[in-house]
Amino acid sequence: DGGKFEDAEKWYREALKKTPNDEDVRMDLALAYLSREPADADRAIAEFNAILSADPKYEKALQNIAFAYKEKGDQENLVKTVERLKQVNPENSALKLLAAK
């Protein structure tokens, strides 16, 4: 149900007004954007980039932004991000999924 994600997005945006540096809430907001139908990859990417600007090696954000780039069909940024993810954790379980076409 798409309305569930929209409700969650509203809640997460309100929470970020109170605690703008809360990476967990920002991550959940980005995942809500990515999980809706259709996915809003651009908004998800913007939120993941906000997290990564504060913590460039945040593995979960790198992993999820890579999936957002894959969803969007942005092969160039997908490849760059997968390389960054490999540097942070070469054993990340998502790497195989991200490599699949």
PDB file of N, CA and C in Angstrom:
ATOM      1  N   ASP A   1       0.841  -1.181   0.000  1.00  0.00           N
ATOM      2  CA  ASP A   1       0.000   0.000   0.000  1.00  0.00           C
ATOM      3  C   ASP A   1       0.886   1.244   0.000  1.00  0.00           C
ATOM      4  N   GLY A   2       0.818   2.014  -1.085  1.00  0.00           N
ATOM      5  CA  GLY A   2       1.660   3.188  -1.224  1.00  0.00           C
ATOM      6  C   GLY A   2       1.438   4.235  -0.157  1.00  0.00           C
ATOM      7  N   GLY A   3       0.216   4.292   0.398  1.00  0.00           N
ATOM      8  CA  GLY A   3      -0.074   5.270   1.433  1.00  0.00           C
ATOM      9  C   GLY A   3       0.743   5.069   2.686  1.00  0.00           C
ATOM     10  N   LYS A   4       1.103   3.832   2.978  1.00  0.00           N
ATOM     11  CA  LYS A   4       1.919   3.557   4.162  1.00  0.00           C
ATOM     12  C   LYS A   4       3.269   4.257   4.056  1.00  0.00           C
ATOM     13  N   PHE A   5       3.870   4.209   2.875  1.00  0.00           N
ATOM     14  CA  PHE A   5       5.167   4.856   2.704  1.00  0.00           C
ATOM     15  C   PHE A   5       5.033   6.368   2.788  1.00  0.00           C
ATOM     16  N   GLU A   6       3.965   6.912   2.231  1.00  0.00           N
ATOM     17  CA  GLU A   6       3.759   8.361   2.309  1.00  0.00           C
ATOM     18  C   GLU A   6       3.562   8.789   3.763  1.00  0.00           C
ATOM     19  N   ASP A   7       2.808   8.012   4.534  1.00  0.00           N
ATOM     20  CA  ASP A   7       2.642   8.329   5.955  1.00  0.00           C
ATOM     21  C   ASP A   7       3.977   8.269   6.680  1.00  0.00           C
ATOM     22  N   ALA A   8       4.751   7.245   6.391  1.00  0.00           N
ATOM     23  CA  ALA A   8       6.064   7.102   7.030  1.00  0.00           C
ATOM     24  C   ALA A   8       6.967   8.269   6.655  1.00  0.00           C
ATOM     25  N   GLU A   9       6.942   8.655   5.376  1.00  0.00           N
ATOM     26  CA  GLU A   9       7.774   9.774   4.921  1.00  0.00           C
ATOM     27  C   GLU A   9       7.442  11.045   5.695  1.00  0.00           C
ATOM     28  N   LYS A  10       6.150  11.304   5.908  1.00  0.00           N
ATOM     29  CA  LYS A  10       5.749  12.497   6.675  1.00  0.00           C
ATOM     30  C   LYS A  10       6.324  12.440   8.088  1.00  0.00           C
ATOM     31  N   TRP A  11       6.203  11.279   8.718  1.00  0.00           N
ATOM     32  CA  TRP A  11       6.698  11.123  10.083  1.00  0.00           C
ATOM     33  C   TRP A  11       8.210  11.338  10.133  1.00  0.00           C
ATOM     34  N   TYR A  12       8.939  10.725   9.192  1.00  0.00           N
ATOM     35  CA  TYR A  12      10.403  10.859   9.176  1.00  0.00           C
ATOM     36  C   TYR A  12      10.818  12.312   8.932  1.00  0.00           C
ATOM     37  N   ARG A  13      10.124  13.011   8.023  1.00  0.00           N
ATOM     38  CA  ARG A  13      10.468  14.421   7.777  1.00  0.00           C
ATOM     39  C   ARG A  13      10.229  15.263   9.030  1.00  0.00           C
ATOM     40  N   GLU A  14       9.150  14.986   9.740  1.00  0.00           N
ATOM     41  CA  GLU A  14       8.884  15.707  10.996  1.00  0.00           C
ATOM     42  C   GLU A  14       9.978  15.421  12.021  1.00  0.00           C
ATOM     43  N   ALA A  15      10.370  14.162  12.115  1.00  0.00           N
ATOM     44  CA  ALA A  15      11.426  13.792  13.066  1.00  0.00           C
ATOM     45  C   ALA A  15      12.737  14.487  12.711  1.00  0.00           C
ATOM     46  N   LEU A  16      13.030  14.611  11.419  1.00  0.00           N
ATOM     47  CA  LEU A  16      14.281  15.264  10.999  1.00  0.00           C
ATOM     48  C   LEU A  16      14.272  16.766  11.285  1.00  0.00           C
ATOM     49  N   LYS A  17      13.082  17.358  11.344  1.00  0.00           N
ATOM     50  CA  LYS A  17      13.015  18.779  11.718  1.00  0.00           C
ATOM     51  C   LYS A  17      13.519  18.961  13.146  1.00  0.00           C
ATOM     52  N   LYS A  18      13.250  17.973  14.001  1.00  0.00           N
ATOM     53  CA  LYS A  18      13.655  18.047  15.410  1.00  0.00           C
ATOM     54  C   LYS A  18      15.102  17.595  15.605  1.00  0.00           C
ATOM     55  N   THR A  19      15.520  16.587  14.839  1.00  0.00           N
ATOM     56  CA  THR A  19      16.880  16.045  14.966  1.00  0.00           C
ATOM     57  C   THR A  19      17.467  15.825  13.568  1.00  0.00           C
ATOM     58  N   PRO A  20      17.894  16.912  12.913  1.00  0.00           N
ATOM     59  CA  PRO A  20      18.331  16.825  11.517  1.00  0.00           C
ATOM     60  C   PRO A  20      19.566  15.949  11.281  1.00  0.00           C
ATOM     61  N   ASN A  21      20.324  15.659  12.316  1.00  0.00           N
ATOM     62  CA  ASN A  21      21.531  14.851  12.141  1.00  0.00           C
ATOM     63  C   ASN A  21      21.332  13.383  12.494  1.00  0.00           C
ATOM     64  N   ASP A  22      20.088  12.968  12.677  1.00  0.00           N
ATOM     65  CA  ASP A  22      19.794  11.584  13.033  1.00  0.00           C
ATOM     66  C   ASP A  22      19.898  10.704  11.778  1.00  0.00           C
ATOM     67  N   GLU A  23      21.021  10.008  11.663  1.00  0.00           N
ATOM     68  CA  GLU A  23      21.276   9.199  10.466  1.00  0.00           C
ATOM     69  C   GLU A  23      20.293   8.046  10.330  1.00  0.00           C
ATOM     70  N   ASP A  24      19.826   7.488  11.443  1.00  0.00           N
ATOM     71  CA  ASP A  24      18.882   6.370  11.374  1.00  0.00           C
ATOM     72  C   ASP A  24      17.549   6.819  10.787  1.00  0.00           C
ATOM     73  N   VAL A  25      17.062   7.971  11.222  1.00  0.00           N
ATOM     74  CA  VAL A  25      15.799   8.485  10.697  1.00  0.00           C
ATOM     75  C   VAL A  25      15.968   8.843   9.219  1.00  0.00           C
ATOM     76  N   ARG A  26      17.084   9.471   8.873  1.00  0.00           N
ATOM     77  CA  ARG A  26      17.330   9.826   7.476  1.00  0.00           C
ATOM     78  C   ARG A  26      17.426   8.568   6.612  1.00  0.00           C
ATOM     79  N   MET A  27      18.045   7.516   7.145  1.00  0.00           N
ATOM     80  CA  MET A  27      18.138   6.247   6.419  1.00  0.00           C
ATOM     81  C   MET A  27      16.741   5.681   6.180  1.00  0.00           C
ATOM     82  N   ASP A  28      15.909   5.700   7.208  1.00  0.00           N
ATOM     83  CA  ASP A  28      14.545   5.182   7.067  1.00  0.00           C
ATOM     84  C   ASP A  28      13.743   5.993   6.052  1.00  0.00           C
ATOM     85  N   LEU A  29      13.929   7.304   6.049  1.00  0.00           N
ATOM     86  CA  LEU A  29      13.252   8.151   5.067  1.00  0.00           C
ATOM     87  C   LEU A  29      13.701   7.781   3.659  1.00  0.00           C
ATOM     88  N   ALA A  30      14.997   7.642   3.470  1.00  0.00           N
ATOM     89  CA  ALA A  30      15.524   7.279   2.151  1.00  0.00           C
ATOM     90  C   ALA A  30      14.985   5.923   1.704  1.00  0.00           C
ATOM     91  N   LEU A  31      14.928   4.973   2.618  1.00  0.00           N
ATOM     92  CA  LEU A  31      14.409   3.642   2.269  1.00  0.00           C
ATOM     93  C   LEU A  31      12.916   3.694   1.946  1.00  0.00           C
ATOM     94  N   ALA A  32      12.181   4.571   2.608  1.00  0.00           N
ATOM     95  CA  ALA A  32      10.759   4.737   2.280  1.00  0.00           C
ATOM     96  C   ALA A  32      10.607   5.267   0.857  1.00  0.00           C
ATOM     97  N   TYR A  33      11.450   6.232   0.480  1.00  0.00           N
ATOM     98  CA  TYR A  33      11.414   6.743  -0.896  1.00  0.00           C
ATOM     99  C   TYR A  33      11.723   5.623  -1.895  1.00  0.00           C
ATOM    100  N   LEU A  34      12.661   4.786  -1.554  1.00  0.00           N
ATOM    101  CA  LEU A  34      13.093   3.722  -2.455  1.00  0.00           C
ATOM    102  C   LEU A  34      12.081   2.585  -2.517  1.00  0.00           C
ATOM    103  N   SER A  35      11.314   2.402  -1.451  1.00  0.00           N
ATOM    104  CA  SER A  35      10.383   1.274  -1.365  1.00  0.00           C
ATOM    105  C   SER A  35       9.007   1.564  -1.953  1.00  0.00           C
ATOM    106  N   ARG A  36       8.698   2.834  -2.161  1.00  0.00           N
ATOM    107  CA  ARG A  36       7.362   3.163  -2.689  1.00  0.00           C
ATOM    108  C   ARG A  36       7.244   2.710  -4.142  1.00  0.00           C
ATOM    109  N   GLU A  37       6.027   2.628  -4.628  1.00  0.00           N
ATOM    110  CA  GLU A  37       5.761   2.275  -6.024  1.00  0.00           C
ATOM    111  C   GLU A  37       5.113   3.454  -6.715  1.00  0.00           C
ATOM    112  N   PRO A  38       5.734   4.039  -7.723  1.00  0.00           N
ATOM    113  CA  PRO A  38       7.099   3.719  -8.162  1.00  0.00           C
ATOM    114  C   PRO A  38       8.126   4.310  -7.196  1.00  0.00           C
ATOM    115  N   ALA A  39       9.288   3.720  -7.200  1.00  0.00           N
ATOM    116  CA  ALA A  39      10.371   4.194  -6.333  1.00  0.00           C
ATOM    117  C   ALA A  39      10.745   5.625  -6.703  1.00  0.00           C
ATOM    118  N   ASP A  40      11.104   6.401  -5.697  1.00  0.00           N
ATOM    119  CA  ASP A  40      11.588   7.775  -5.914  1.00  0.00           C
ATOM    120  C   ASP A  40      13.088   7.760  -5.639  1.00  0.00           C
ATOM    121  N   ALA A  41      13.831   7.213  -6.600  1.00  0.00           N
ATOM    122  CA  ALA A  41      15.273   7.024  -6.436  1.00  0.00           C
ATOM    123  C   ALA A  41      16.002   8.344  -6.218  1.00  0.00           C
ATOM    124  N   ASP A  42      15.578   9.392  -6.897  1.00  0.00           N
ATOM    125  CA  ASP A  42      16.281  10.679  -6.766  1.00  0.00           C
ATOM    126  C   ASP A  42      16.204  11.223  -5.337  1.00  0.00           C
ATOM    127  N   ARG A  43      15.027  11.149  -4.730  1.00  0.00           N
ATOM    128  CA  ARG A  43      14.901  11.637  -3.353  1.00  0.00           C
ATOM    129  C   ARG A  43      15.655  10.728  -2.389  1.00  0.00           C
ATOM    130  N   ALA A  44      15.624   9.412  -2.654  1.00  0.00           N
ATOM    131  CA  ALA A  44      16.382   8.485  -1.815  1.00  0.00           C
ATOM    132  C   ALA A  44      17.870   8.789  -1.903  1.00  0.00           C
ATOM    133  N   ILE A  45      18.361   9.005  -3.101  1.00  0.00           N
ATOM    134  CA  ILE A  45      19.785   9.305  -3.320  1.00  0.00           C
ATOM    135  C   ILE A  45      20.177  10.581  -2.581  1.00  0.00           C
ATOM    136  N   ALA A  46      19.316  11.581  -2.617  1.00  0.00           N
ATOM    137  CA  ALA A  46      19.621  12.840  -1.912  1.00  0.00           C
ATOM    138  C   ALA A  46      19.770  12.589  -0.408  1.00  0.00           C
ATOM    139  N   GLU A  47      18.904  11.758   0.160  1.00  0.00           N
ATOM    140  CA  GLU A  47      18.994  11.466   1.597  1.00  0.00           C
ATOM    141  C   GLU A  47      20.231  10.630   1.918  1.00  0.00           C
ATOM    142  N   PHE A  48      20.517   9.622   1.087  1.00  0.00           N
ATOM    143  CA  PHE A  48      21.733   8.823   1.304  1.00  0.00           C
ATOM    144  C   PHE A  48      22.976   9.699   1.200  1.00  0.00           C
ATOM    145  N   ASN A  49      22.986  10.636   0.244  1.00  0.00           N
ATOM    146  CA  ASN A  49      24.136  11.544   0.110  1.00  0.00           C
ATOM    147  C   ASN A  49      24.287  12.439   1.329  1.00  0.00           C
ATOM    148  N   ALA A  50      23.183  12.838   1.941  1.00  0.00           N
ATOM    149  CA  ALA A  50      23.259  13.650   3.165  1.00  0.00           C
ATOM    150  C   ALA A  50      23.943  12.855   4.273  1.00  0.00           C
ATOM    151  N   ILE A  51      23.613  11.575   4.373  1.00  0.00           N
ATOM    152  CA  ILE A  51      24.256  10.716   5.375  1.00  0.00           C
ATOM    153  C   ILE A  51      25.741  10.563   5.059  1.00  0.00           C
ATOM    154  N   LEU A  52      26.041  10.303   3.795  1.00  0.00           N
ATOM    155  CA  LEU A  52      27.430  10.060   3.397  1.00  0.00           C
ATOM    156  C   LEU A  52      28.292  11.312   3.479  1.00  0.00           C
ATOM    157  N   SER A  53      27.683  12.479   3.400  1.00  0.00           N
ATOM    158  CA  SER A  53      28.483  13.701   3.550  1.00  0.00           C
ATOM    159  C   SER A  53      28.995  13.826   4.979  1.00  0.00           C
ATOM    160  N   ALA A  54      28.233  13.300   5.935  1.00  0.00           N
ATOM    161  CA  ALA A  54      28.664  13.318   7.334  1.00  0.00           C
ATOM    162  C   ALA A  54      29.570  12.137   7.660  1.00  0.00           C
ATOM    163  N   ASP A  55      29.345  11.015   6.997  1.00  0.00           N
ATOM    164  CA  ASP A  55      30.100   9.790   7.274  1.00  0.00           C
ATOM    165  C   ASP A  55      30.315   9.039   5.956  1.00  0.00           C
ATOM    166  N   PRO A  56      31.373   9.388   5.204  1.00  0.00           N
ATOM    167  CA  PRO A  56      31.596   8.819   3.875  1.00  0.00           C
ATOM    168  C   PRO A  56      31.792   7.299   3.831  1.00  0.00           C
ATOM    169  N   LYS A  57      32.052   6.693   4.968  1.00  0.00           N
ATOM    170  CA  LYS A  57      32.269   5.244   4.988  1.00  0.00           C
ATOM    171  C   LYS A  57      31.118   4.489   5.656  1.00  0.00           C
ATOM    172  N   TYR A  58      29.967   5.117   5.760  1.00  0.00           N
ATOM    173  CA  TYR A  58      28.800   4.487   6.367  1.00  0.00           C
ATOM    174  C   TYR A  58      28.326   3.374   5.416  1.00  0.00           C
ATOM    175  N   GLU A  59      28.635   2.161   5.800  1.00  0.00           N
ATOM    176  CA  GLU A  59      28.430   1.004   4.909  1.00  0.00           C
ATOM    177  C   GLU A  59      26.980   0.836   4.465  1.00  0.00           C
ATOM    178  N   LYS A  60      26.056   0.940   5.386  1.00  0.00           N
ATOM    179  CA  LYS A  60      24.640   0.743   5.049  1.00  0.00           C
ATOM    180  C   LYS A  60      24.160   1.807   4.045  1.00  0.00           C
ATOM    181  N   ALA A  61      24.632   3.037   4.204  1.00  0.00           N
ATOM    182  CA  ALA A  61      24.250   4.105   3.267  1.00  0.00           C
ATOM    183  C   ALA A  61      24.864   3.857   1.891  1.00  0.00           C
ATOM    184  N   LEU A  62      26.120   3.416   1.856  1.00  0.00           N
ATOM    185  CA  LEU A  62      26.750   3.094   0.577  1.00  0.00           C
ATOM    186  C   LEU A  62      26.010   1.963  -0.127  1.00  0.00           C
ATOM    187  N   GLN A  63      25.679   0.941   0.632  1.00  0.00           N
ATOM    188  CA  GLN A  63      24.960  -0.206   0.070  1.00  0.00           C
ATOM    189  C   GLN A  63      23.613   0.242  -0.511  1.00  0.00           C
ATOM    190  N   ASN A  64      22.874   1.012   0.246  1.00  0.00           N
ATOM    191  CA  ASN A  64      21.536   1.404  -0.188  1.00  0.00           C
ATOM    192  C   ASN A  64      21.549   2.434  -1.308  1.00  0.00           C
ATOM    193  N   ILE A  65      22.516   3.339  -1.308  1.00  0.00           N
ATOM    194  CA  ILE A  65      22.576   4.296  -2.417  1.00  0.00           C
ATOM    195  C   ILE A  65      22.955   3.560  -3.705  1.00  0.00           C
ATOM    196  N   ALA A  66      23.742   2.504  -3.584  1.00  0.00           N
ATOM    197  CA  ALA A  66      24.069   1.700  -4.765  1.00  0.00           C
ATOM    198  C   ALA A  66      22.799   1.072  -5.342  1.00  0.00           C
ATOM    199  N   PHE A  67      21.934   0.554  -4.470  1.00  0.00           N
ATOM    200  CA  PHE A  67      20.662   0.002  -4.951  1.00  0.00           C
ATOM    201  C   PHE A  67      19.798   1.088  -5.591  1.00  0.00           C
ATOM    202  N   ALA A  68      19.852   2.295  -5.049  1.00  0.00           N
ATOM    203  CA  ALA A  68      19.091   3.406  -5.639  1.00  0.00           C
ATOM    204  C   ALA A  68      19.620   3.739  -7.030  1.00  0.00           C
ATOM    205  N   TYR A  69      20.939   3.763  -7.173  1.00  0.00           N
ATOM    206  CA  TYR A  69      21.521   4.005  -8.504  1.00  0.00           C
ATOM    207  C   TYR A  69      21.137   2.891  -9.473  1.00  0.00           C
ATOM    208  N   LYS A  70      21.109   1.661  -8.986  1.00  0.00           N
ATOM    209  CA  LYS A  70      20.712   0.527  -9.825  1.00  0.00           C
ATOM    210  C   LYS A  70      19.253   0.679 -10.253  1.00  0.00           C
ATOM    211  N   GLU A  71      18.387   1.049  -9.318  1.00  0.00           N
ATOM    212  CA  GLU A  71      16.961   1.268  -9.607  1.00  0.00           C
ATOM    213  C   GLU A  71      16.791   2.346 -10.678  1.00  0.00           C
ATOM    214  N   LYS A  72      17.610   3.381 -10.568  1.00  0.00           N
ATOM    215  CA  LYS A  72      17.529   4.518 -11.485  1.00  0.00           C
ATOM    216  C   LYS A  72      18.159   4.209 -12.846  1.00  0.00           C
ATOM    217  N   GLY A  73      19.000   3.180 -12.897  1.00  0.00           N
ATOM    218  CA  GLY A  73      19.707   2.865 -14.142  1.00  0.00           C
ATOM    219  C   GLY A  73      20.953   3.711 -14.334  1.00  0.00           C
ATOM    220  N   ASP A  74      21.481   4.269 -13.259  1.00  0.00           N
ATOM    221  CA  ASP A  74      22.676   5.125 -13.304  1.00  0.00           C
ATOM    222  C   ASP A  74      23.911   4.248 -13.119  1.00  0.00           C
ATOM    223  N   GLN A  75      24.342   3.653 -14.211  1.00  0.00           N
ATOM    224  CA  GLN A  75      25.438   2.690 -14.172  1.00  0.00           C
ATOM    225  C   GLN A  75      26.753   3.322 -13.708  1.00  0.00           C
ATOM    226  N   GLU A  76      27.024   4.536 -14.137  1.00  0.00           N
ATOM    227  CA  GLU A  76      28.280   5.195 -13.774  1.00  0.00           C
ATOM    228  C   GLU A  76      28.404   5.361 -12.258  1.00  0.00           C
ATOM    229  N   ASN A  77      27.368   5.914 -11.628  1.00  0.00           N
ATOM    230  CA  ASN A  77      27.418   6.096 -10.178  1.00  0.00           C
ATOM    231  C   ASN A  77      27.305   4.778  -9.436  1.00  0.00           C
ATOM    232  N   LEU A  78      26.604   3.814 -10.007  1.00  0.00           N
ATOM    233  CA  LEU A  78      26.526   2.484  -9.397  1.00  0.00           C
ATOM    234  C   LEU A  78      27.918   1.875  -9.296  1.00  0.00           C
ATOM    235  N   VAL A  79      28.670   1.902 -10.380  1.00  0.00           N
ATOM    236  CA  VAL A  79      30.014   1.326 -10.393  1.00  0.00           C
ATOM    237  C   VAL A  79      30.918   2.031  -9.386  1.00  0.00           C
ATOM    238  N   LYS A  80      30.883   3.358  -9.361  1.00  0.00           N
ATOM    239  CA  LYS A  80      31.706   4.126  -8.412  1.00  0.00           C
ATOM    240  C   LYS A  80      31.350   3.779  -6.966  1.00  0.00           C
ATOM    241  N   THR A  81      30.057   3.676  -6.701  1.00  0.00           N
ATOM    242  CA  THR A  81      29.609   3.406  -5.338  1.00  0.00           C
ATOM    243  C   THR A  81      29.948   1.991  -4.915  1.00  0.00           C
ATOM    244  N   VAL A  82      29.811   1.032  -5.815  1.00  0.00           N
ATOM    245  CA  VAL A  82      30.181  -0.354  -5.509  1.00  0.00           C
ATOM    246  C   VAL A  82      31.674  -0.427  -5.168  1.00  0.00           C
ATOM    247  N   GLU A  83      32.497   0.318  -5.869  1.00  0.00           N
ATOM    248  CA  GLU A  83      33.932   0.339  -5.559  1.00  0.00           C
ATOM    249  C   GLU A  83      34.178   0.910  -4.161  1.00  0.00           C
ATOM    250  N   ARG A  84      33.466   1.975  -3.822  1.00  0.00           N
ATOM    251  CA  ARG A  84      33.589   2.547  -2.468  1.00  0.00           C
ATOM    252  C   ARG A  84      33.140   1.542  -1.417  1.00  0.00           C
ATOM    253  N   LEU A  85      32.046   0.837  -1.699  1.00  0.00           N
ATOM    254  CA  LEU A  85      31.528  -0.156  -0.773  1.00  0.00           C
ATOM    255  C   LEU A  85      32.528  -1.293  -0.588  1.00  0.00           C
ATOM    256  N   LYS A  86      33.156  -1.715  -1.662  1.00  0.00           N
ATOM    257  CA  LYS A  86      34.177  -2.770  -1.580  1.00  0.00           C
ATOM    258  C   LYS A  86      35.347  -2.340  -0.707  1.00  0.00           C
ATOM    259  N   GLN A  87      35.711  -1.070  -0.782  1.00  0.00           N
ATOM    260  CA  GLN A  87      36.812  -0.566   0.046  1.00  0.00           C
ATOM    261  C   GLN A  87      36.440  -0.577   1.520  1.00  0.00           C
ATOM    262  N   VAL A  88      35.169  -0.266   1.819  1.00  0.00           N
ATOM    263  CA  VAL A  88      34.707  -0.242   3.206  1.00  0.00           C
ATOM    264  C   VAL A  88      34.556  -1.663   3.739  1.00  0.00           C
ATOM    265  N   ASN A  89      33.964  -2.547   2.935  1.00  0.00           N
ATOM    266  CA  ASN A  89      33.771  -3.936   3.355  1.00  0.00           C
ATOM    267  C   ASN A  89      33.698  -4.847   2.130  1.00  0.00           C
ATOM    268  N   PRO A  90      34.821  -5.469   1.784  1.00  0.00           N
ATOM    269  CA  PRO A  90      34.831  -6.346   0.604  1.00  0.00           C
ATOM    270  C   PRO A  90      33.944  -7.586   0.762  1.00  0.00           C
ATOM    271  N   GLU A  91      33.478  -7.843   1.974  1.00  0.00           N
ATOM    272  CA  GLU A  91      32.623  -9.009   2.236  1.00  0.00           C
ATOM    273  C   GLU A  91      31.137  -8.633   2.327  1.00  0.00           C
ATOM    274  N   ASN A  92      30.775  -7.405   2.006  1.00  0.00           N
ATOM    275  CA  ASN A  92      29.381  -6.978   2.095  1.00  0.00           C
ATOM    276  C   ASN A  92      28.511  -7.907   1.251  1.00  0.00           C
ATOM    277  N   SER A  93      27.471  -8.445   1.875  1.00  0.00           N
ATOM    278  CA  SER A  93      26.629  -9.436   1.213  1.00  0.00           C
ATOM    279  C   SER A  93      25.843  -8.888   0.009  1.00  0.00           C
ATOM    280  N   ALA A  94      25.658  -7.595  -0.066  1.00  0.00           N
ATOM    281  CA  ALA A  94      24.901  -6.996  -1.163  1.00  0.00           C
ATOM    282  C   ALA A  94      25.718  -6.878  -2.452  1.00  0.00           C
ATOM    283  N   LEU A  95      27.032  -7.034  -2.363  1.00  0.00           N
ATOM    284  CA  LEU A  95      27.872  -6.842  -3.549  1.00  0.00           C
ATOM    285  C   LEU A  95      27.485  -7.775  -4.683  1.00  0.00           C
ATOM    286  N   LYS A  96      27.136  -9.007  -4.377  1.00  0.00           N
ATOM    287  CA  LYS A  96      26.730  -9.948  -5.443  1.00  0.00           C
ATOM    288  C   LYS A  96      25.433  -9.488  -6.115  1.00  0.00           C
ATOM    289  N   LEU A  97      24.491  -9.026  -5.320  1.00  0.00           N
ATOM    290  CA  LEU A  97      23.225  -8.540  -5.875  1.00  0.00           C
ATOM    291  C   LEU A  97      23.442  -7.294  -6.737  1.00  0.00           C
ATOM    292  N   LEU A  98      24.342  -6.440  -6.300  1.00  0.00           N
ATOM    293  CA  LEU A  98      24.613  -5.210  -7.037  1.00  0.00           C
ATOM    294  C   LEU A  98      25.342  -5.481  -8.341  1.00  0.00           C
ATOM    295  N   ALA A  99      26.106  -6.562  -8.389  1.00  0.00           N
ATOM    296  CA  ALA A  99      26.851  -6.903  -9.604  1.00  0.00           C
ATOM    297  C   ALA A  99      25.952  -7.539 -10.655  1.00  0.00           C
ATOM    298  N   ALA A 100      24.830  -8.126 -10.243  1.00  0.00           N
ATOM    299  CA  ALA A 100      23.922  -8.784 -11.183  1.00  0.00           C
ATOM    300  C   ALA A 100      23.256  -7.747 -12.086  1.00  0.00           C
ATOM    301  N   LYS A 101      23.113  -8.076 -13.327  1.00  0.00           N
ATOM    302  CA  LYS A 101      22.495  -7.135 -14.287  1.00  0.00           C
ATOM    303  C   LYS A 101      20.988  -7.234 -14.242  1.00  0.00           C
TER     304      LYS A 101
END
